[in-house]
Amino acid sequence: MEELIESDVIDAMFVSGGYIELLVRFAFNMIVVLGVIHFFYYPKSKRVDYYFTFTLISVSIFLMIFLLGGVKLKVGFALGLFAIFGIIRYRTESMPVREMTYLFVIIAISVINALAVEVGLLELACTNLLFVISVMLCERLHHGKHVSTKLVLYDRVELISPEHRAELIEDLKKRTGLDVVRVEVGHIDFLRDTAMLRVHYVSNDNQHNSVDKLLKFPKEETL
């Protein structure tokens, strides 16, 4: 009798095949997610911290959705709040737009792969392939020359007037080594003879600079 009960328990745990579907879908999801991160995101950014973050978020989202799929909860609404507040609070520094976009993509792929239980693997593979192709095309369109932005605290306030704009750009080119195309003048401090400039320049670097869109200086930590 005890042997029969143990046999029923083993059948319920392993013969049902639920764990096989979990492992297959988890492996499929990780192949797609790691492919997107490793081949599209990482070559330009070289950010190991976000590589780590994206991977573990994908694992967490997938397992949570897959295992809670039968629970009668507003999973979509809960995940929406999780994503929004996670993006707002899950950081020690402001998350750049490119990293935020990839985070949304990783979450979307993980949710689809976990929820699409009734969808065949071929259809699911086509859906993931569309994600990969879209990311690849966007990265290729972004490849090459593009205008980046830097914030510069400038010390020659005599050049910030509109009539000296050409001379200002030439001075910035010489001092920064950047191909400056446009300059915007912000805060001016005549007491310290400084001005805050937003410098737009053409970048030929294939690697993405995560701070080139930084529009304000971080606050200094006080002891």
Protein backbone atom coordinates (compact mmCIF):
# COMPACT_ATOMS: atom_id res chain seq x y z
CA MET A 1 0.00 0.00 0.00
CA GLU A 2 2.75 2.40 0.94
CA GLU A 3 4.60 1.52 -2.26
CA LEU A 4 1.46 2.31 -4.27
CA ILE A 5 1.10 5.71 -2.61
CA GLU A 6 4.74 6.52 -3.23
CA SER A 7 4.32 5.50 -6.87
CA ASP A 8 1.30 7.83 -7.25
CA VAL A 9 3.27 10.71 -5.76
CA ILE A 10 6.19 10.09 -8.10
CA ASP A 11 3.82 9.95 -11.09
CA ALA A 12 2.18 13.21 -10.05
CA MET A 13 5.53 14.90 -9.67
CA PHE A 14 7.39 13.68 -12.73
CA VAL A 15 5.24 11.75 -15.18
CA SER A 16 2.86 14.67 -15.71
CA GLY A 17 5.48 16.42 -17.80
CA GLY A 18 4.92 19.87 -16.29
CA TYR A 19 8.51 20.18 -15.23
CA ILE A 20 9.64 19.27 -18.75
CA GLU A 21 7.60 22.13 -20.21
CA LEU A 22 9.05 24.46 -17.57
CA LEU A 23 12.62 23.46 -18.41
CA VAL A 24 12.07 23.65 -22.18
CA ARG A 25 10.43 27.07 -22.06
CA PHE A 26 12.98 28.36 -19.54
CA ALA A 27 15.88 27.23 -21.75
CA PHE A 28 14.20 28.74 -24.82
CA ASN A 29 13.62 32.04 -23.02
CA MET A 30 17.21 32.21 -21.76
CA ILE A 31 18.62 31.53 -25.25
CA VAL A 32 16.63 34.43 -26.71
CA VAL A 33 17.26 36.82 -23.81
CA LEU A 34 20.99 36.12 -23.56
CA GLY A 35 21.27 36.40 -27.33
CA VAL A 36 19.67 39.86 -27.29
CA ILE A 37 21.80 41.01 -24.37
CA HIS A 38 25.11 39.53 -25.54
CA PHE A 39 24.95 40.26 -29.27
CA PHE A 40 23.03 43.56 -29.40
CA TYR A 41 23.26 45.37 -26.05
CA TYR A 42 26.67 44.44 -24.64
CA PRO A 43 28.95 45.11 -27.68
CA LYS A 44 28.17 48.84 -27.54
CA SER A 45 27.64 49.47 -23.86
CA LYS A 46 30.16 47.09 -22.24
CA ARG A 47 28.11 47.36 -19.04
CA VAL A 48 28.54 44.14 -17.06
CA ASP A 49 26.26 45.45 -14.31
CA TYR A 50 23.29 45.78 -16.67
CA TYR A 51 24.16 42.40 -18.24
CA PHE A 52 23.77 40.92 -14.76
CA THR A 53 20.59 42.92 -14.05
CA PHE A 54 18.81 42.09 -17.31
CA THR A 55 19.58 38.36 -16.97
CA LEU A 56 18.29 38.01 -13.42
CA ILE A 57 15.21 40.14 -14.11
CA SER A 58 14.37 37.86 -17.03
CA VAL A 59 14.78 34.76 -14.86
CA SER A 60 12.65 36.27 -12.07
CA ILE A 61 9.86 37.46 -14.36
CA PHE A 62 9.69 34.19 -16.29
CA LEU A 63 9.54 31.92 -13.24
CA MET A 64 7.08 34.16 -11.41
CA ILE A 65 4.68 34.35 -14.37
CA PHE A 66 4.99 30.67 -15.28
CA LEU A 67 4.40 29.40 -11.75
CA LEU A 68 1.60 31.88 -10.99
CA GLY A 69 -0.14 31.34 -14.31
CA GLY A 70 -2.99 29.44 -12.69
CA VAL A 71 -3.63 31.94 -9.93
CA LYS A 72 -6.71 34.13 -10.46
CA LEU A 73 -4.95 37.44 -10.05
CA LYS A 74 -4.54 40.44 -12.27
CA VAL A 75 -1.04 39.37 -13.18
CA GLY A 76 -0.77 41.88 -16.00
CA PHE A 77 -1.70 44.76 -13.75
CA ALA A 78 0.67 43.56 -11.02
CA LEU A 79 3.54 43.22 -13.46
CA GLY A 80 2.80 46.64 -14.90
CA LEU A 81 3.17 48.20 -11.48
CA PHE A 82 6.27 46.09 -10.84
CA ALA A 83 7.87 47.30 -14.06
CA ILE A 84 7.01 50.96 -13.50
CA PHE A 85 8.13 51.17 -9.91
CA GLY A 86 11.07 48.89 -10.58
CA ILE A 87 12.35 51.26 -13.24
CA ILE A 88 11.82 54.27 -11.01
CA ARG A 89 13.38 52.83 -7.85
CA TYR A 90 15.59 49.96 -9.02
CA ARG A 91 18.68 52.08 -9.53
CA THR A 92 21.46 53.89 -7.76
CA GLU A 93 21.88 56.22 -10.72
CA SER A 94 19.57 57.46 -13.43
CA MET A 95 18.97 54.66 -15.93
CA PRO A 96 19.81 55.73 -19.49
CA VAL A 97 17.11 55.53 -22.17
CA ARG A 98 18.85 52.69 -24.05
CA GLU A 99 19.13 50.54 -20.92
CA MET A 100 15.51 51.29 -20.01
CA THR A 101 14.40 50.23 -23.51
CA TYR A 102 16.29 46.95 -23.27
CA LEU A 103 14.78 46.36 -19.84
CA PHE A 104 11.28 46.67 -21.32
CA VAL A 105 12.24 44.32 -24.16
CA ILE A 106 13.64 41.71 -21.76
CA ILE A 107 10.53 41.89 -19.55
CA ALA A 108 8.23 41.62 -22.58
CA ILE A 109 10.05 38.57 -23.96
CA SER A 110 10.03 36.83 -20.58
CA VAL A 111 6.33 37.51 -19.98
CA ILE A 112 5.35 36.27 -23.45
CA ASN A 113 7.42 33.09 -23.15
CA ALA A 114 5.95 32.35 -19.73
CA LEU A 115 2.28 33.14 -20.46
CA ALA A 116 1.98 31.63 -23.95
CA VAL A 117 1.40 28.12 -22.60
CA GLU A 118 -1.31 27.29 -25.14
CA VAL A 119 0.78 28.62 -28.05
CA GLY A 120 2.87 26.17 -30.04
CA LEU A 121 6.64 26.35 -29.92
CA LEU A 122 6.84 27.23 -33.62
CA GLU A 123 4.56 30.25 -33.19
CA LEU A 124 6.42 31.23 -30.04
CA ALA A 125 9.73 30.95 -31.88
CA CYS A 126 8.41 33.23 -34.65
CA THR A 127 7.33 35.78 -32.05
CA ASN A 128 10.76 35.77 -30.44
CA LEU A 129 12.39 35.98 -33.85
CA LEU A 130 10.39 39.15 -34.55
CA PHE A 131 11.77 40.62 -31.32
CA VAL A 132 15.33 39.75 -32.32
CA ILE A 133 14.93 41.13 -35.85
CA SER A 134 13.41 44.36 -34.53
CA VAL A 135 16.28 44.88 -32.09
CA MET A 136 18.83 44.11 -34.81
CA LEU A 137 17.28 46.58 -37.26
CA CYS A 138 17.06 49.33 -34.63
CA GLU A 139 20.71 48.81 -33.67
CA ARG A 140 21.79 48.94 -37.32
CA LEU A 141 19.82 52.14 -37.95
CA HIS A 142 21.49 53.63 -34.87
CA HIS A 143 24.91 52.47 -36.06
CA GLY A 144 27.38 55.01 -37.41
CA LYS A 145 27.39 58.77 -36.97
CA HIS A 146 24.90 60.17 -34.52
CA VAL A 147 24.64 63.37 -32.53
CA SER A 148 25.43 62.99 -28.84
CA THR A 149 25.16 65.49 -26.01
CA LYS A 150 27.48 66.52 -23.22
CA LEU A 151 27.10 69.03 -20.44
CA VAL A 152 30.08 71.40 -20.16
CA LEU A 153 30.84 73.92 -17.42
CA TYR A 154 32.47 76.67 -19.48
CA ASP A 155 34.78 79.36 -18.16
CA ARG A 156 34.94 81.88 -21.03
CA VAL A 157 31.65 83.73 -20.62
CA GLU A 158 32.72 86.42 -23.11
CA LEU A 159 32.09 83.90 -25.91
CA ILE A 160 28.56 82.88 -24.98
CA SER A 161 26.84 85.76 -26.81
CA PRO A 162 25.21 84.88 -30.18
CA GLU A 163 27.67 86.96 -32.23
CA HIS A 164 30.57 84.88 -30.91
CA ARG A 165 28.89 81.51 -31.44
CA ALA A 166 31.28 80.39 -34.20
CA GLU A 167 34.29 81.28 -32.03
CA LEU A 168 32.70 79.45 -29.09
CA ILE A 169 32.26 76.28 -31.17
CA GLU A 170 35.85 76.43 -32.41
CA ASP A 171 37.13 76.84 -28.86
CA LEU A 172 35.10 73.84 -27.71
CA LYS A 173 36.36 71.75 -30.63
CA LYS A 174 39.95 72.61 -29.76
CA ARG A 175 39.61 71.98 -26.03
CA THR A 176 37.44 68.85 -26.13
CA GLY A 177 38.56 67.27 -29.40
CA LEU A 178 34.90 66.70 -30.33
CA ASP A 179 33.20 67.51 -33.62
CA VAL A 180 30.86 70.11 -32.10
CA VAL A 181 27.90 71.05 -34.31
CA ARG A 182 25.67 73.04 -31.97
CA VAL A 183 25.79 74.67 -28.54
CA GLU A 184 23.01 75.70 -26.17
CA VAL A 185 23.72 78.16 -23.36
CA GLY A 186 22.08 77.46 -20.02
CA HIS A 187 22.77 78.86 -16.57
CA ILE A 188 25.22 81.80 -16.45
CA ASP A 189 27.16 82.76 -13.34
CA PHE A 190 28.93 86.11 -13.81
CA LEU A 191 30.29 86.02 -10.25
CA ARG A 192 32.35 82.92 -11.07
CA ASP A 193 32.68 83.66 -14.81
CA THR A 194 31.16 80.32 -15.75
CA ALA A 195 28.26 79.14 -17.90
CA MET A 196 26.53 75.80 -18.34
CA LEU A 197 26.59 74.64 -21.96
CA ARG A 198 24.83 71.76 -23.64
CA VAL A 199 27.22 70.69 -26.39
CA HIS A 200 25.92 68.64 -29.34
CA TYR A 201 28.62 66.78 -31.26
CA VAL A 202 28.90 64.09 -33.94
CA SER A 203 30.09 60.79 -32.53
CA ASN A 204 31.71 58.11 -34.69
CA ASP A 205 32.33 55.72 -31.82
CA ASN A 206 30.51 52.40 -32.17
CA GLN A 207 30.43 51.95 -28.41
CA HIS A 208 27.55 53.59 -26.64
CA ASN A 209 28.54 56.14 -23.99
CA SER A 210 26.10 55.81 -21.11
CA VAL A 211 26.84 59.33 -19.79
CA ASP A 212 26.83 61.34 -23.00
CA LYS A 213 23.18 62.24 -22.33
CA LEU A 214 23.90 63.42 -18.79
CA LEU A 215 22.28 66.83 -18.57
CA LYS A 216 23.24 67.78 -15.03
CA PHE A 217 26.14 67.18 -12.72
CA PRO A 218 25.47 64.64 -9.96
CA LYS A 219 25.18 66.06 -6.48
CA GLU A 220 28.31 65.78 -4.39
CA GLU A 221 27.98 63.48 -1.41
CA THR A 222 28.18 65.25 1.94
CA LEU A 223 29.65 63.55 4.95
